Amino acid sequence: MALNEVHISSIVVHVAPQHLETIKTQIETFDNAEIYGDSPEGKIVVVLETENQGFITDTIDAINNLPNVLSTVLVYHQIETGLDETEDKDTGTQHSQIEGEV
């Protein structure tokens, strides 16, 4: 029986400020990636939501390898498991982890 999991992660992408808009456009092409904010200094907050952790690490690597990206840091990762879409009650287990400083 496969677990019904949802992985939600937040990453901060630091880019050369003059390339901010170009990198944002490239990040928006990734499935399940959404930009939640940015700063003129070249920092972009991205939220990833998927059913498996492999997507998250692959996406972080892909973003980090874009030209003019200086760094990509995982800030938050939550896993919700055991969710049942047919029931409207909290049956999930939440695991949260915060890594590093922004």
PDB file of N, CA and C in Angstrom:
ATOM      1  N   MET A   1       0.844  -1.178   0.000  1.00  0.00           N
ATOM      2  CA  MET A   1       0.000   0.000   0.000  1.00  0.00           C
ATOM      3  C   MET A   1       0.886   1.237   0.000  1.00  0.00           C
ATOM      4  N   ALA A   2       0.695   2.103  -0.934  1.00  0.00           N
ATOM      5  CA  ALA A   2       1.487   3.330  -1.030  1.00  0.00           C
ATOM      6  C   ALA A   2       0.919   4.383  -0.092  1.00  0.00           C
ATOM      7  N   LEU A   3       1.840   5.097   0.558  1.00  0.00           N
ATOM      8  CA  LEU A   3       1.406   6.187   1.422  1.00  0.00           C
ATOM      9  C   LEU A   3       1.005   7.386   0.586  1.00  0.00           C
ATOM     10  N   ASN A   4      -0.020   8.061   1.029  1.00  0.00           N
ATOM     11  CA  ASN A   4      -0.425   9.298   0.386  1.00  0.00           C
ATOM     12  C   ASN A   4       0.348  10.408   1.081  1.00  0.00           C
ATOM     13  N   GLU A   5       1.428  10.886   0.442  1.00  0.00           N
ATOM     14  CA  GLU A   5       2.288  11.895   1.039  1.00  0.00           C
ATOM     15  C   GLU A   5       2.247  13.186   0.242  1.00  0.00           C
ATOM     16  N   VAL A   6       2.410  14.279   0.964  1.00  0.00           N
ATOM     17  CA  VAL A   6       2.597  15.575   0.333  1.00  0.00           C
ATOM     18  C   VAL A   6       3.847  16.179   0.958  1.00  0.00           C
ATOM     19  N   HIS A   7       4.804  16.548   0.111  1.00  0.00           N
ATOM     20  CA  HIS A   7       6.041  17.196   0.563  1.00  0.00           C
ATOM     21  C   HIS A   7       5.943  18.672   0.203  1.00  0.00           C
ATOM     22  N   ILE A   8       6.090  19.528   1.202  1.00  0.00           N
ATOM     23  CA  ILE A   8       6.070  20.972   0.987  1.00  0.00           C
ATOM     24  C   ILE A   8       7.411  21.516   1.443  1.00  0.00           C
ATOM     25  N   SER A   9       8.096  22.196   0.554  1.00  0.00           N
ATOM     26  CA  SER A   9       9.410  22.746   0.876  1.00  0.00           C
ATOM     27  C   SER A   9       9.487  24.196   0.471  1.00  0.00           C
ATOM     28  N   SER A  10      10.283  24.921   1.230  1.00  0.00           N
ATOM     29  CA  SER A  10      10.547  26.315   0.910  1.00  0.00           C
ATOM     30  C   SER A  10      12.048  26.452   0.681  1.00  0.00           C
ATOM     31  N   ILE A  11      12.403  27.120  -0.414  1.00  0.00           N
ATOM     32  CA  ILE A  11      13.816  27.353  -0.704  1.00  0.00           C
ATOM     33  C   ILE A  11      14.034  28.839  -0.968  1.00  0.00           C
ATOM     34  N   VAL A  12      15.247  29.277  -0.692  1.00  0.00           N
ATOM     35  CA  VAL A  12      15.647  30.640  -1.027  1.00  0.00           C
ATOM     36  C   VAL A  12      16.723  30.525  -2.100  1.00  0.00           C
ATOM     37  N   VAL A  13      16.468  31.201  -3.211  1.00  0.00           N
ATOM     38  CA  VAL A  13      17.401  31.212  -4.335  1.00  0.00           C
ATOM     39  C   VAL A  13      18.043  32.597  -4.370  1.00  0.00           C
ATOM     40  N   HIS A  14      19.368  32.624  -4.331  1.00  0.00           N
ATOM     41  CA  HIS A  14      20.095  33.894  -4.395  1.00  0.00           C
ATOM     42  C   HIS A  14      20.707  34.011  -5.787  1.00  0.00           C
ATOM     43  N   VAL A  15      20.365  35.097  -6.471  1.00  0.00           N
ATOM     44  CA  VAL A  15      20.835  35.302  -7.845  1.00  0.00           C
ATOM     45  C   VAL A  15      21.529  36.655  -7.946  1.00  0.00           C
ATOM     46  N   ALA A  16      22.319  36.813  -8.987  1.00  0.00           N
ATOM     47  CA  ALA A  16      22.883  38.119  -9.282  1.00  0.00           C
ATOM     48  C   ALA A  16      21.704  39.062  -9.555  1.00  0.00           C
ATOM     49  N   PRO A  17      21.607  40.193  -8.836  1.00  0.00           N
ATOM     50  CA  PRO A  17      20.417  41.056  -8.923  1.00  0.00           C
ATOM     51  C   PRO A  17      20.022  41.462 -10.342  1.00  0.00           C
ATOM     52  N   GLN A  18      20.979  41.671 -11.220  1.00  0.00           N
ATOM     53  CA  GLN A  18      20.639  42.087 -12.580  1.00  0.00           C
ATOM     54  C   GLN A  18      19.966  40.965 -13.378  1.00  0.00           C
ATOM     55  N   HIS A  19      19.982  39.741 -12.852  1.00  0.00           N
ATOM     56  CA  HIS A  19      19.366  38.600 -13.544  1.00  0.00           C
ATOM     57  C   HIS A  19      18.111  38.113 -12.831  1.00  0.00           C
ATOM     58  N   LEU A  20      17.601  38.884 -11.876  1.00  0.00           N
ATOM     59  CA  LEU A  20      16.459  38.465 -11.063  1.00  0.00           C
ATOM     60  C   LEU A  20      15.248  38.079 -11.913  1.00  0.00           C
ATOM     61  N   GLU A  21      14.831  38.937 -12.824  1.00  0.00           N
ATOM     62  CA  GLU A  21      13.623  38.667 -13.614  1.00  0.00           C
ATOM     63  C   GLU A  21      13.796  37.453 -14.523  1.00  0.00           C
ATOM     64  N   THR A  22      14.980  37.294 -15.106  1.00  0.00           N
ATOM     65  CA  THR A  22      15.231  36.141 -15.985  1.00  0.00           C
ATOM     66  C   THR A  22      15.142  34.834 -15.209  1.00  0.00           C
ATOM     67  N   ILE A  23      15.754  34.803 -14.030  1.00  0.00           N
ATOM     68  CA  ILE A  23      15.736  33.582 -13.223  1.00  0.00           C
ATOM     69  C   ILE A  23      14.320  33.286 -12.731  1.00  0.00           C
ATOM     70  N   LYS A  24      13.575  34.312 -12.340  1.00  0.00           N
ATOM     71  CA  LYS A  24      12.187  34.093 -11.911  1.00  0.00           C
ATOM     72  C   LYS A  24      11.374  33.455 -13.036  1.00  0.00           C
ATOM     73  N   THR A  25      11.558  33.928 -14.241  1.00  0.00           N
ATOM     74  CA  THR A  25      10.846  33.352 -15.390  1.00  0.00           C
ATOM     75  C   THR A  25      11.228  31.890 -15.574  1.00  0.00           C
ATOM     76  N   GLN A  26      12.507  31.567 -15.406  1.00  0.00           N
ATOM     77  CA  GLN A  26      12.953  30.176 -15.554  1.00  0.00           C
ATOM     78  C   GLN A  26      12.402  29.289 -14.439  1.00  0.00           C
ATOM     79  N   ILE A  27      12.372  29.797 -13.208  1.00  0.00           N
ATOM     80  CA  ILE A  27      11.842  29.008 -12.083  1.00  0.00           C
ATOM     81  C   ILE A  27      10.365  28.708 -12.295  1.00  0.00           C
ATOM     82  N   GLU A  28       9.631  29.652 -12.847  1.00  0.00           N
ATOM     83  CA  GLU A  28       8.192  29.449 -13.063  1.00  0.00           C
ATOM     84  C   GLU A  28       7.891  28.334 -14.055  1.00  0.00           C
ATOM     85  N   THR A  29       8.876  27.894 -14.827  1.00  0.00           N
ATOM     86  CA  THR A  29       8.654  26.792 -15.765  1.00  0.00           C
ATOM     87  C   THR A  29       8.695  25.422 -15.091  1.00  0.00           C
ATOM     88  N   PHE A  30       9.190  25.358 -13.855  1.00  0.00           N
ATOM     89  CA  PHE A  30       9.261  24.082 -13.145  1.00  0.00           C
ATOM     90  C   PHE A  30       7.873  23.701 -12.627  1.00  0.00           C
ATOM     91  N   ASP A  31       7.515  22.412 -12.800  1.00  0.00           N
ATOM     92  CA  ASP A  31       6.248  21.918 -12.265  1.00  0.00           C
ATOM     93  C   ASP A  31       6.260  22.013 -10.740  1.00  0.00           C
ATOM     94  N   ASN A  32       5.130  22.355 -10.166  1.00  0.00           N
ATOM     95  CA  ASN A  32       4.940  22.380  -8.721  1.00  0.00           C
ATOM     96  C   ASN A  32       5.840  23.374  -7.988  1.00  0.00           C
ATOM     97  N   ALA A  33       6.382  24.369  -8.698  1.00  0.00           N
ATOM     98  CA  ALA A  33       7.197  25.414  -8.072  1.00  0.00           C
ATOM     99  C   ALA A  33       6.444  26.737  -8.172  1.00  0.00           C
ATOM    100  N   GLU A  34       6.374  27.440  -7.052  1.00  0.00           N
ATOM    101  CA  GLU A  34       5.674  28.718  -7.048  1.00  0.00           C
ATOM    102  C   GLU A  34       6.522  29.754  -6.319  1.00  0.00           C
ATOM    103  N   ILE A  35       6.660  30.914  -6.929  1.00  0.00           N
ATOM    104  CA  ILE A  35       7.428  31.999  -6.327  1.00  0.00           C
ATOM    105  C   ILE A  35       6.515  32.775  -5.384  1.00  0.00           C
ATOM    106  N   TYR A  36       6.964  32.929  -4.137  1.00  0.00           N
ATOM    107  CA  TYR A  36       6.167  33.633  -3.137  1.00  0.00           C
ATOM    108  C   TYR A  36       6.699  35.021  -2.845  1.00  0.00           C
ATOM    109  N   GLY A  37       7.853  35.369  -3.357  1.00  0.00           N
ATOM    110  CA  GLY A  37       8.379  36.705  -3.139  1.00  0.00           C
ATOM    111  C   GLY A  37       9.805  36.813  -3.608  1.00  0.00           C
ATOM    112  N   ASP A  38      10.278  38.062  -3.711  1.00  0.00           N
ATOM    113  CA  ASP A  38      11.666  38.298  -4.085  1.00  0.00           C
ATOM    114  C   ASP A  38      12.099  39.644  -3.527  1.00  0.00           C
ATOM    115  N   SER A  39      13.398  39.882  -3.582  1.00  0.00           N
ATOM    116  CA  SER A  39      13.944  41.151  -3.104  1.00  0.00           C
ATOM    117  C   SER A  39      14.870  41.728  -4.162  1.00  0.00           C
ATOM    118  N   PRO A  40      15.060  43.044  -4.148  1.00  0.00           N
ATOM    119  CA  PRO A  40      15.952  43.674  -5.131  1.00  0.00           C
ATOM    120  C   PRO A  40      17.401  43.201  -5.003  1.00  0.00           C
ATOM    121  N   GLU A  41      17.735  42.641  -3.848  1.00  0.00           N
ATOM    122  CA  GLU A  41      19.097  42.123  -3.643  1.00  0.00           C
ATOM    123  C   GLU A  41      19.327  40.795  -4.357  1.00  0.00           C
ATOM    124  N   GLY A  42      18.268  40.231  -4.946  1.00  0.00           N
ATOM    125  CA  GLY A  42      18.419  38.996  -5.718  1.00  0.00           C
ATOM    126  C   GLY A  42      18.029  37.730  -4.985  1.00  0.00           C
ATOM    127  N   LYS A  43      17.208  37.835  -3.954  1.00  0.00           N
ATOM    128  CA  LYS A  43      16.741  36.640  -3.251  1.00  0.00           C
ATOM    129  C   LYS A  43      15.300  36.349  -3.660  1.00  0.00           C
ATOM    130  N   ILE A  44      15.034  35.072  -3.931  1.00  0.00           N
ATOM    131  CA  ILE A  44      13.714  34.625  -4.373  1.00  0.00           C
ATOM    132  C   ILE A  44      13.249  33.519  -3.426  1.00  0.00           C
ATOM    133  N   VAL A  45      12.027  33.637  -2.908  1.00  0.00           N
ATOM    134  CA  VAL A  45      11.439  32.595  -2.072  1.00  0.00           C
ATOM    135  C   VAL A  45      10.557  31.731  -2.966  1.00  0.00           C
ATOM    136  N   VAL A  46      10.862  30.428  -2.989  1.00  0.00           N
ATOM    137  CA  VAL A  46      10.140  29.484  -3.841  1.00  0.00           C
ATOM    138  C   VAL A  46       9.567  28.379  -2.963  1.00  0.00           C
ATOM    139  N   VAL A  47       8.316  28.018  -3.210  1.00  0.00           N
ATOM    140  CA  VAL A  47       7.685  26.903  -2.511  1.00  0.00           C
ATOM    141  C   VAL A  47       7.472  25.772  -3.507  1.00  0.00           C
ATOM    142  N   LEU A  48       7.882  24.568  -3.100  1.00  0.00           N
ATOM    143  CA  LEU A  48       7.722  23.366  -3.918  1.00  0.00           C
ATOM    144  C   LEU A  48       6.727  22.447  -3.219  1.00  0.00           C
ATOM    145  N   GLU A  49       5.782  21.899  -3.971  1.00  0.00           N
ATOM    146  CA  GLU A  49       4.827  20.951  -3.408  1.00  0.00           C
ATOM    147  C   GLU A  49       4.749  19.747  -4.334  1.00  0.00           C
ATOM    148  N   THR A  50       4.977  18.559  -3.769  1.00  0.00           N
ATOM    149  CA  THR A  50       4.993  17.352  -4.581  1.00  0.00           C
ATOM    150  C   THR A  50       4.638  16.135  -3.740  1.00  0.00           C
ATOM    151  N   GLU A  51       4.506  14.997  -4.390  1.00  0.00           N
ATOM    152  CA  GLU A  51       4.187  13.759  -3.690  1.00  0.00           C
ATOM    153  C   GLU A  51       5.424  12.951  -3.334  1.00  0.00           C
ATOM    154  N   ASN A  52       6.611  13.403  -3.760  1.00  0.00           N
ATOM    155  CA  ASN A  52       7.814  12.657  -3.385  1.00  0.00           C
ATOM    156  C   ASN A  52       9.010  13.587  -3.189  1.00  0.00           C
ATOM    157  N   GLN A  53       9.938  13.142  -2.358  1.00  0.00           N
ATOM    158  CA  GLN A  53      11.093  13.952  -2.006  1.00  0.00           C
ATOM    159  C   GLN A  53      12.079  14.076  -3.162  1.00  0.00           C
ATOM    160  N   GLY A  54      12.128  13.097  -4.042  1.00  0.00           N
ATOM    161  CA  GLY A  54      13.051  13.137  -5.168  1.00  0.00           C
ATOM    162  C   GLY A  54      12.847  14.354  -6.046  1.00  0.00           C
ATOM    163  N   PHE A  55      11.591  14.736  -6.241  1.00  0.00           N
ATOM    164  CA  PHE A  55      11.311  15.921  -7.043  1.00  0.00           C
ATOM    165  C   PHE A  55      11.952  17.155  -6.424  1.00  0.00           C
ATOM    166  N   ILE A  56      11.881  17.256  -5.111  1.00  0.00           N
ATOM    167  CA  ILE A  56      12.420  18.426  -4.416  1.00  0.00           C
ATOM    168  C   ILE A  56      13.918  18.535  -4.635  1.00  0.00           C
ATOM    169  N   THR A  57      14.648  17.450  -4.391  1.00  0.00           N
ATOM    170  CA  THR A  57      16.108  17.515  -4.550  1.00  0.00           C
ATOM    171  C   THR A  57      16.491  17.733  -6.010  1.00  0.00           C
ATOM    172  N   ASP A  58      15.775  17.108  -6.933  1.00  0.00           N
ATOM    173  CA  ASP A  58      16.066  17.316  -8.357  1.00  0.00           C
ATOM    174  C   ASP A  58      15.819  18.775  -8.760  1.00  0.00           C
ATOM    175  N   THR A  59      14.743  19.361  -8.250  1.00  0.00           N
ATOM    176  CA  THR A  59      14.418  20.748  -8.593  1.00  0.00           C
ATOM    177  C   THR A  59      15.434  21.711  -7.985  1.00  0.00           C
ATOM    178  N   ILE A  60      15.838  21.466  -6.740  1.00  0.00           N
ATOM    179  CA  ILE A  60      16.861  22.317  -6.117  1.00  0.00           C
ATOM    180  C   ILE A  60      18.147  22.269  -6.935  1.00  0.00           C
ATOM    181  N   ASP A  61      18.558  21.078  -7.342  1.00  0.00           N
ATOM    182  CA  ASP A  61      19.770  20.948  -8.164  1.00  0.00           C
ATOM    183  C   ASP A  61      19.621  21.681  -9.495  1.00  0.00           C
ATOM    184  N   ALA A  62      18.468  21.530 -10.126  1.00  0.00           N
ATOM    185  CA  ALA A  62      18.248  22.171 -11.433  1.00  0.00           C
ATOM    186  C   ALA A  62      18.266  23.700 -11.312  1.00  0.00           C
ATOM    187  N   ILE A  63      17.614  24.225 -10.286  1.00  0.00           N
ATOM    188  CA  ILE A  63      17.609  25.676 -10.084  1.00  0.00           C
ATOM    189  C   ILE A  63      19.018  26.164  -9.769  1.00  0.00           C
ATOM    190  N   ASN A  64      19.714  25.439  -8.917  1.00  0.00           N
ATOM    191  CA  ASN A  64      21.071  25.828  -8.528  1.00  0.00           C
ATOM    192  C   ASN A  64      22.021  25.846  -9.724  1.00  0.00           C
ATOM    193  N   ASN A  65      21.738  25.033 -10.729  1.00  0.00           N
ATOM    194  CA  ASN A  65      22.599  24.955 -11.916  1.00  0.00           C
ATOM    195  C   ASN A  65      22.233  25.959 -13.010  1.00  0.00           C
ATOM    196  N   LEU A  66      21.185  26.767 -12.790  1.00  0.00           N
ATOM    197  CA  LEU A  66      20.842  27.798 -13.771  1.00  0.00           C
ATOM    198  C   LEU A  66      21.941  28.860 -13.803  1.00  0.00           C
ATOM    199  N   PRO A  67      22.244  29.413 -14.979  1.00  0.00           N
ATOM    200  CA  PRO A  67      23.244  30.487 -15.053  1.00  0.00           C
ATOM    201  C   PRO A  67      22.831  31.668 -14.179  1.00  0.00           C
ATOM    202  N   ASN A  68      23.798  32.264 -13.497  1.00  0.00           N
ATOM    203  CA  ASN A  68      23.621  33.448 -12.649  1.00  0.00           C
ATOM    204  C   ASN A  68      22.930  33.168 -11.316  1.00  0.00           C
ATOM    205  N   VAL A  69      22.691  31.882 -10.971  1.00  0.00           N
ATOM    206  CA  VAL A  69      22.218  31.538  -9.637  1.00  0.00           C
ATOM    207  C   VAL A  69      23.451  31.358  -8.760  1.00  0.00           C
ATOM    208  N   LEU A  70      23.489  32.105  -7.660  1.00  0.00           N
ATOM    209  CA  LEU A  70      24.641  32.057  -6.765  1.00  0.00           C
ATOM    210  C   LEU A  70      24.511  30.927  -5.747  1.00  0.00           C
ATOM    211  N   SER A  71      23.286  30.702  -5.235  1.00  0.00           N
ATOM    212  CA  SER A  71      23.061  29.611  -4.288  1.00  0.00           C
ATOM    213  C   SER A  71      21.575  29.298  -4.193  1.00  0.00           C
ATOM    214  N   THR A  72      21.284  28.061  -3.771  1.00  0.00           N
ATOM    215  CA  THR A  72      19.915  27.621  -3.517  1.00  0.00           C
ATOM    216  C   THR A  72      19.927  26.871  -2.192  1.00  0.00           C
ATOM    217  N   VAL A  73      19.112  27.330  -1.241  1.00  0.00           N
ATOM    218  CA  VAL A  73      19.138  26.764   0.105  1.00  0.00           C
ATOM    219  C   VAL A  73      17.748  26.289   0.506  1.00  0.00           C
ATOM    220  N   LEU A  74      17.671  25.036   0.977  1.00  0.00           N
ATOM    221  CA  LEU A  74      16.429  24.508   1.528  1.00  0.00           C
ATOM    222  C   LEU A  74      16.245  25.110   2.914  1.00  0.00           C
ATOM    223  N   VAL A  75      15.117  25.786   3.127  1.00  0.00           N
ATOM    224  CA  VAL A  75      14.860  26.455   4.399  1.00  0.00           C
ATOM    225  C   VAL A  75      13.855  25.667   5.234  1.00  0.00           C
ATOM    226  N   TYR A  76      12.892  25.024   4.581  1.00  0.00           N
ATOM    227  CA  TYR A  76      11.810  24.352   5.296  1.00  0.00           C
ATOM    228  C   TYR A  76      11.345  23.164   4.482  1.00  0.00           C
ATOM    229  N   HIS A  77      11.066  22.048   5.174  1.00  0.00           N
ATOM    230  CA  HIS A  77      10.546  20.857   4.503  1.00  0.00           C
ATOM    231  C   HIS A  77       9.554  20.184   5.439  1.00  0.00           C
ATOM    232  N   GLN A  78       8.328  20.017   4.971  1.00  0.00           N
ATOM    233  CA  GLN A  78       7.284  19.365   5.754  1.00  0.00           C
ATOM    234  C   GLN A  78       6.742  18.198   4.959  1.00  0.00           C
ATOM    235  N   ILE A  79       6.524  17.083   5.652  1.00  0.00           N
ATOM    236  CA  ILE A  79       5.933  15.901   5.026  1.00  0.00           C
ATOM    237  C   ILE A  79       4.630  15.606   5.742  1.00  0.00           C
ATOM    238  N   GLU A  80       3.545  15.537   4.986  1.00  0.00           N
ATOM    239  CA  GLU A  80       2.263  15.128   5.539  1.00  0.00           C
ATOM    240  C   GLU A  80       1.961  13.748   4.995  1.00  0.00           C
ATOM    241  N   THR A  81       1.708  12.795   5.890  1.00  0.00           N
ATOM    242  CA  THR A  81       1.450  11.417   5.463  1.00  0.00           C
ATOM    243  C   THR A  81       0.121  10.925   5.986  1.00  0.00           C
ATOM    244  N   GLY A  82      -0.366   9.876   5.364  1.00  0.00           N
ATOM    245  CA  GLY A  82      -1.585   9.231   5.808  1.00  0.00           C
ATOM    246  C   GLY A  82      -2.836  10.046   5.587  1.00  0.00           C
ATOM    247  N   LEU A  83      -2.785  10.939   4.628  1.00  0.00           N
ATOM    248  CA  LEU A  83      -3.955  11.770   4.361  1.00  0.00           C
ATOM    249  C   LEU A  83      -4.978  10.976   3.565  1.00  0.00           C
ATOM    250  N   ASP A  84      -6.217  11.140   3.931  1.00  0.00           N
ATOM    251  CA  ASP A  84      -7.302  10.466   3.233  1.00  0.00           C
ATOM    252  C   ASP A  84      -8.230  11.541   2.682  1.00  0.00           C
ATOM    253  N   GLU A  85      -8.307  11.629   1.373  1.00  0.00           N
ATOM    254  CA  GLU A  85      -9.089  12.683   0.744  1.00  0.00           C
ATOM    255  C   GLU A  85     -10.581  12.537   0.966  1.00  0.00           C
ATOM    256  N   THR A  86     -11.051  11.358   1.381  1.00  0.00           N
ATOM    257  CA  THR A  86     -12.475  11.154   1.554  1.00  0.00           C
ATOM    258  C   THR A  86     -12.961  11.578   2.932  1.00  0.00           C
ATOM    259  N   GLU A  87     -12.056  11.799   3.864  1.00  0.00           N
ATOM    260  CA  GLU A  87     -12.432  12.194   5.214  1.00  0.00           C
ATOM    261  C   GLU A  87     -11.987  13.618   5.469  1.00  0.00           C
ATOM    262  N   ASP A  88     -12.819  14.364   6.185  1.00  0.00           N
ATOM    263  CA  ASP A  88     -12.500  15.757   6.479  1.00  0.00           C
ATOM    264  C   ASP A  88     -12.072  15.874   7.935  1.00  0.00           C
ATOM    265  N   LYS A  89     -10.998  15.195   8.282  1.00  0.00           N
ATOM    266  CA  LYS A  89     -10.460  15.299   9.633  1.00  0.00           C
ATOM    267  C   LYS A  89      -8.949  15.205   9.552  1.00  0.00           C
ATOM    268  N   ASP A  90      -8.282  15.624  10.613  1.00  0.00           N
ATOM    269  CA  ASP A  90      -6.829  15.628  10.623  1.00  0.00           C
ATOM    270  C   ASP A  90      -6.328  14.243  10.983  1.00  0.00           C
ATOM    271  N   THR A  91      -5.913  13.481   9.966  1.00  0.00           N
ATOM    272  CA  THR A  91      -5.393  12.141  10.197  1.00  0.00           C
ATOM    273  C   THR A  91      -3.920  12.063   9.858  1.00  0.00           C
ATOM    274  N   GLY A  92      -3.344  13.184   9.468  1.00  0.00           N
ATOM    275  CA  GLY A  92      -1.965  13.187   9.002  1.00  0.00           C
ATOM    276  C   GLY A  92      -0.961  13.355  10.122  1.00  0.00           C
ATOM    277  N   THR A  93       0.249  12.959   9.827  1.00  0.00           N
ATOM    278  CA  THR A  93       1.376  13.182  10.708  1.00  0.00           C
ATOM    279  C   THR A  93       2.247  14.221  10.037  1.00  0.00           C
ATOM    280  N   GLN A  94       2.614  15.230  10.791  1.00  0.00           N
ATOM    281  CA  GLN A  94       3.430  16.279  10.204  1.00  0.00           C
ATOM    282  C   GLN A  94       4.844  16.199  10.753  1.00  0.00           C
ATOM    283  N   HIS A  95       5.815  16.300   9.851  1.00  0.00           N
ATOM    284  CA  HIS A  95       7.224  16.348  10.218  1.00  0.00           C
ATOM    285  C   HIS A  95       7.765  17.645   9.646  1.00  0.00           C
ATOM    286  N   SER A  96       8.302  18.483  10.485  1.00  0.00           N
ATOM    287  CA  SER A  96       8.831  19.755  10.014  1.00  0.00           C
ATOM    288  C   SER A  96      10.307  19.839  10.317  1.00  0.00           C
ATOM    289  N   GLN A  97      11.023  20.470   9.412  1.00  0.00           N
ATOM    290  CA  GLN A  97      12.453  20.654   9.610  1.00  0.00           C
ATOM    291  C   GLN A  97      12.834  21.987   9.022  1.00  0.00           C
ATOM    292  N   ILE A  98      13.523  22.776   9.804  1.00  0.00           N
ATOM    293  CA  ILE A  98      14.008  24.072   9.316  1.00  0.00           C
ATOM    294  C   ILE A  98      15.524  23.971   9.259  1.00  0.00           C
ATOM    295  N   GLU A  99      16.076  24.336   8.117  1.00  0.00           N
ATOM    296  CA  GLU A  99      17.512  24.247   7.928  1.00  0.00           C
ATOM    297  C   GLU A  99      18.094  25.623   7.662  1.00  0.00           C
ATOM    298  N   GLY A 100      19.146  25.961   8.397  1.00  0.00           N
ATOM    299  CA  GLY A 100      19.924  27.163   8.103  1.00  0.00           C
ATOM    300  C   GLY A 100      19.211  28.460   8.374  1.00  0.00           C
ATOM    301  N   GLU A 101      19.884  29.518   8.070  1.00  0.00           N
ATOM    302  CA  GLU A 101      19.376  30.865   8.217  1.00  0.00           C
ATOM    303  C   GLU A 101      19.249  31.485   6.846  1.00  0.00           C
ATOM    304  N   VAL A 102      18.280  32.349   6.668  1.00  0.00           N
ATOM    305  CA  VAL A 102      18.088  33.026   5.392  1.00  0.00           C
ATOM    306  C   VAL A 102      18.861  34.323   5.415  1.00  0.00           C
TER     307      VAL A 102
END
